[in-house]
Amino acid sequence: QVQLQESGPGLLKPSQTLSLTCTVSGASIRSEYYFWNWLRQPPGKGLEWMGVISGSGSAWYSPSLKNRLSISRDTSKNQVPLQLGSVTPEDTAVYYCAAAKTFIMSATDTAHYDTWGQGTQVTVSS
């Protein structure tokens, strides 16, 4: 029943801030039974876990991204926005939001996640 949908700009220039939104249907983002994750997959590479926010609003980030990354909640719209600052071409990837019922840091095993969005392509190019 839970459905996720990513949205945001597909093209950015280096140094800009990437803003994406995960819109959740079928469950409240405040639910104590779900953790809302962001992951990404660069072309030809594996899945990279970016961060997670809990139903109570606590967020945890990948150490490699924590200085640039912010994941928050928009409870009025039932959305989980992501902001990634100072983007470079290395940030080019398909970005996914995904729901899990347990908390595991840095989980890239797809079996950990109950529901995925379709993903959105983000290209950073000068």
C-alpha atoms as a PDB file:
ATOM      1  CA  GLN A   1       0.000   0.000   0.000  1.00  0.00           C
ATOM      2  CA  VAL A   2       2.940   2.318   0.608  1.00  0.00           C
ATOM      3  CA  GLN A   3       3.984   4.161  -2.524  1.00  0.00           C
ATOM      4  CA  LEU A   4       6.936   6.475  -3.012  1.00  0.00           C
ATOM      5  CA  GLN A   5       7.608   8.935  -5.785  1.00  0.00           C
ATOM      6  CA  GLU A   6      10.766  10.972  -6.323  1.00  0.00           C
ATOM      7  CA  SER A   7      10.665  14.344  -8.003  1.00  0.00           C
ATOM      8  CA  GLY A   8      13.040  17.192  -8.701  1.00  0.00           C
ATOM      9  CA  PRO A   9      15.246  18.731 -11.354  1.00  0.00           C
ATOM     10  CA  GLY A  10      17.052  16.380 -13.677  1.00  0.00           C
ATOM     11  CA  LEU A  11      19.898  18.711 -14.644  1.00  0.00           C
ATOM     12  CA  LEU A  12      22.203  20.788 -12.471  1.00  0.00           C
ATOM     13  CA  LYS A  13      25.425  22.704 -12.807  1.00  0.00           C
ATOM     14  CA  PRO A  14      28.417  22.058 -10.550  1.00  0.00           C
ATOM     15  CA  SER A  15      28.279  23.928  -7.237  1.00  0.00           C
ATOM     16  CA  GLN A  16      24.487  24.053  -7.217  1.00  0.00           C
ATOM     17  CA  THR A  17      22.320  22.452  -4.550  1.00  0.00           C
ATOM     18  CA  LEU A  18      20.262  19.429  -5.501  1.00  0.00           C
ATOM     19  CA  SER A  19      16.740  19.436  -4.081  1.00  0.00           C
ATOM     20  CA  LEU A  20      14.654  16.292  -4.411  1.00  0.00           C
ATOM     21  CA  THR A  21      11.344  15.326  -2.874  1.00  0.00           C
ATOM     22  CA  CYS A  22      10.019  11.910  -1.960  1.00  0.00           C
ATOM     23  CA  THR A  23       6.239  11.950  -1.818  1.00  0.00           C
ATOM     24  CA  VAL A  24       4.789   9.170   0.332  1.00  0.00           C
ATOM     25  CA  SER A  25       1.325   7.681  -0.075  1.00  0.00           C
ATOM     26  CA  GLY A  26      -0.308   4.971   1.998  1.00  0.00           C
ATOM     27  CA  ALA A  27       1.537   5.740   5.227  1.00  0.00           C
ATOM     28  CA  SER A  28       2.380   8.740   7.323  1.00  0.00           C
ATOM     29  CA  ILE A  29       6.002   9.853   7.330  1.00  0.00           C
ATOM     30  CA  ARG A  30       5.536  10.229  11.092  1.00  0.00           C
ATOM     31  CA  SER A  31       4.832   6.504  11.452  1.00  0.00           C
ATOM     32  CA  GLU A  32       6.951   4.716  14.060  1.00  0.00           C
ATOM     33  CA  TYR A  33       6.972   1.621  11.817  1.00  0.00           C
ATOM     34  CA  TYR A  34       8.913   3.070   8.895  1.00  0.00           C
ATOM     35  CA  PHE A  35      12.291   4.575   8.164  1.00  0.00           C
ATOM     36  CA  TRP A  36      12.597   6.708   5.058  1.00  0.00           C
ATOM     37  CA  ASN A  37      15.857   6.300   3.140  1.00  0.00           C
ATOM     38  CA  TRP A  38      17.561   7.966   0.236  1.00  0.00           C
ATOM     39  CA  LEU A  39      19.930   5.976  -1.979  1.00  0.00           C
ATOM     40  CA  ARG A  40      21.557   6.570  -5.332  1.00  0.00           C
ATOM     41  CA  GLN A  41      23.233   4.615  -8.119  1.00  0.00           C
ATOM     42  CA  PRO A  42      25.818   6.268 -10.370  1.00  0.00           C
ATOM     43  CA  PRO A  43      26.102   4.982 -13.943  1.00  0.00           C
ATOM     44  CA  GLY A  44      27.835   1.615 -14.018  1.00  0.00           C
ATOM     45  CA  LYS A  45      28.257   1.513 -10.242  1.00  0.00           C
ATOM     46  CA  GLY A  46      26.568  -0.061  -7.276  1.00  0.00           C
ATOM     47  CA  LEU A  47      23.904   1.269  -4.992  1.00  0.00           C
ATOM     48  CA  GLU A  48      25.029   3.876  -2.461  1.00  0.00           C
ATOM     49  CA  TRP A  49      23.151   4.537   0.754  1.00  0.00           C
ATOM     50  CA  MET A  50      22.889   8.246   1.470  1.00  0.00           C
ATOM     51  CA  GLY A  51      20.869   8.638   4.624  1.00  0.00           C
ATOM     52  CA  VAL A  52      17.675   7.970   6.517  1.00  0.00           C
ATOM     53  CA  ILE A  53      15.115   9.788   8.605  1.00  0.00           C
ATOM     54  CA  SER A  54      12.864   8.165  11.178  1.00  0.00           C
ATOM     55  CA  GLY A  55       9.209   8.747  11.831  1.00  0.00           C
ATOM     56  CA  SER A  56      10.184  10.871  14.812  1.00  0.00           C
ATOM     57  CA  GLY A  57      12.381  13.084  12.646  1.00  0.00           C
ATOM     58  CA  SER A  58      15.871  11.906  13.582  1.00  0.00           C
ATOM     59  CA  ALA A  59      18.256  11.722  10.633  1.00  0.00           C
ATOM     60  CA  TRP A  60      21.464   9.794   9.990  1.00  0.00           C
ATOM     61  CA  TYR A  61      23.801  10.313   7.042  1.00  0.00           C
ATOM     62  CA  SER A  62      26.551   8.511   5.189  1.00  0.00           C
ATOM     63  CA  PRO A  63      29.899   9.778   6.496  1.00  0.00           C
ATOM     64  CA  SER A  64      30.999  10.559   2.953  1.00  0.00           C
ATOM     65  CA  LEU A  65      28.030  12.866   2.418  1.00  0.00           C
ATOM     66  CA  LYS A  66      27.110  14.200   5.840  1.00  0.00           C
ATOM     67  CA  ASN A  67      28.798  17.562   5.341  1.00  0.00           C
ATOM     68  CA  ARG A  68      26.716  18.244   2.236  1.00  0.00           C
ATOM     69  CA  LEU A  69      23.500  16.346   2.907  1.00  0.00           C
ATOM     70  CA  SER A  70      20.254  17.212   4.614  1.00  0.00           C
ATOM     71  CA  ILE A  71      17.217  14.955   4.857  1.00  0.00           C
ATOM     72  CA  SER A  72      14.137  16.322   6.531  1.00  0.00           C
ATOM     73  CA  ARG A  73      10.375  15.935   6.722  1.00  0.00           C
ATOM     74  CA  ASP A  74       7.509  17.986   5.419  1.00  0.00           C
ATOM     75  CA  THR A  75       4.696  16.609   7.528  1.00  0.00           C
ATOM     76  CA  SER A  76       2.044  18.848   5.998  1.00  0.00           C
ATOM     77  CA  LYS A  77       2.668  17.322   2.561  1.00  0.00           C
ATOM     78  CA  ASN A  78       3.767  13.844   3.709  1.00  0.00           C
ATOM     79  CA  GLN A  79       7.066  14.306   1.929  1.00  0.00           C
ATOM     80  CA  VAL A  80      10.726  13.587   2.637  1.00  0.00           C
ATOM     81  CA  PRO A  81      12.899  16.246   0.998  1.00  0.00           C
ATOM     82  CA  LEU A  82      16.593  15.847   0.303  1.00  0.00           C
ATOM     83  CA  GLN A  83      19.159  18.568  -0.252  1.00  0.00           C
ATOM     84  CA  LEU A  84      22.686  17.857  -1.456  1.00  0.00           C
ATOM     85  CA  GLY A  85      24.917  20.887  -1.639  1.00  0.00           C
ATOM     86  CA  SER A  86      27.919  21.689  -3.813  1.00  0.00           C
ATOM     87  CA  VAL A  87      27.208  19.031  -6.396  1.00  0.00           C
ATOM     88  CA  THR A  88      29.826  17.817  -8.870  1.00  0.00           C
ATOM     89  CA  PRO A  89      29.635  15.469 -11.865  1.00  0.00           C
ATOM     90  CA  GLU A  90      30.372  12.638  -9.413  1.00  0.00           C
ATOM     91  CA  ASP A  91      26.876  13.187  -8.027  1.00  0.00           C
ATOM     92  CA  THR A  92      25.324  12.140 -11.335  1.00  0.00           C
ATOM     93  CA  ALA A  93      23.130   9.159 -10.505  1.00  0.00           C
ATOM     94  CA  VAL A  94      19.652   7.760 -10.307  1.00  0.00           C
ATOM     95  CA  TYR A  95      18.282   8.810  -6.931  1.00  0.00           C
ATOM     96  CA  TYR A  96      15.831   6.621  -5.047  1.00  0.00           C
ATOM     97  CA  CYS A  97      13.800   6.920  -1.911  1.00  0.00           C
ATOM     98  CA  ALA A  98      12.950   3.690  -0.138  1.00  0.00           C
ATOM     99  CA  ALA A  99      11.001   2.644   2.936  1.00  0.00           C
ATOM    100  CA  ALA A 100      12.191   0.134   5.504  1.00  0.00           C
ATOM    101  CA  LYS A 101      10.585  -1.193   8.666  1.00  0.00           C
ATOM    102  CA  THR A 102      13.845  -1.490  10.576  1.00  0.00           C
ATOM    103  CA  PHE A 103      16.858   0.729  11.055  1.00  0.00           C
ATOM    104  CA  ILE A 104      20.137  -0.403   9.472  1.00  0.00           C
ATOM    105  CA  MET A 105      22.906   2.035   8.715  1.00  0.00           C
ATOM    106  CA  SER A 106      24.399   1.961   5.218  1.00  0.00           C
ATOM    107  CA  ALA A 107      22.077  -0.766   3.957  1.00  0.00           C
ATOM    108  CA  THR A 108      22.564  -1.462   0.248  1.00  0.00           C
ATOM    109  CA  ASP A 109      20.930  -4.893   0.294  1.00  0.00           C
ATOM    110  CA  THR A 110      17.648  -4.409  -1.521  1.00  0.00           C
ATOM    111  CA  ALA A 111      16.037  -7.033   0.712  1.00  0.00           C
ATOM    112  CA  HIS A 112      16.197  -4.532   3.568  1.00  0.00           C
ATOM    113  CA  TYR A 113      13.679  -2.276   1.874  1.00  0.00           C
ATOM    114  CA  ASP A 114       9.957  -2.864   1.630  1.00  0.00           C
ATOM    115  CA  THR A 115       9.077  -0.245  -0.959  1.00  0.00           C
ATOM    116  CA  TRP A 116      11.027   1.737  -3.547  1.00  0.00           C
ATOM    117  CA  GLY A 117      10.266   4.732  -5.644  1.00  0.00           C
ATOM    118  CA  GLN A 118      10.850   4.507  -9.373  1.00  0.00           C
ATOM    119  CA  GLY A 119      13.976   6.640  -9.133  1.00  0.00           C
ATOM    120  CA  THR A 120      14.804   9.936 -10.754  1.00  0.00           C
ATOM    121  CA  GLN A 121      17.802  10.676 -12.953  1.00  0.00           C
ATOM    122  CA  VAL A 122      20.013  13.555 -11.870  1.00  0.00           C
ATOM    123  CA  THR A 123      22.802  14.741 -14.143  1.00  0.00           C
ATOM    124  CA  VAL A 124      25.412  17.245 -13.020  1.00  0.00           C
ATOM    125  CA  SER A 125      27.234  18.745 -15.967  1.00  0.00           C
ATOM    126  CA  SER A 126      29.186  21.886 -16.707  1.00  0.00           C
END
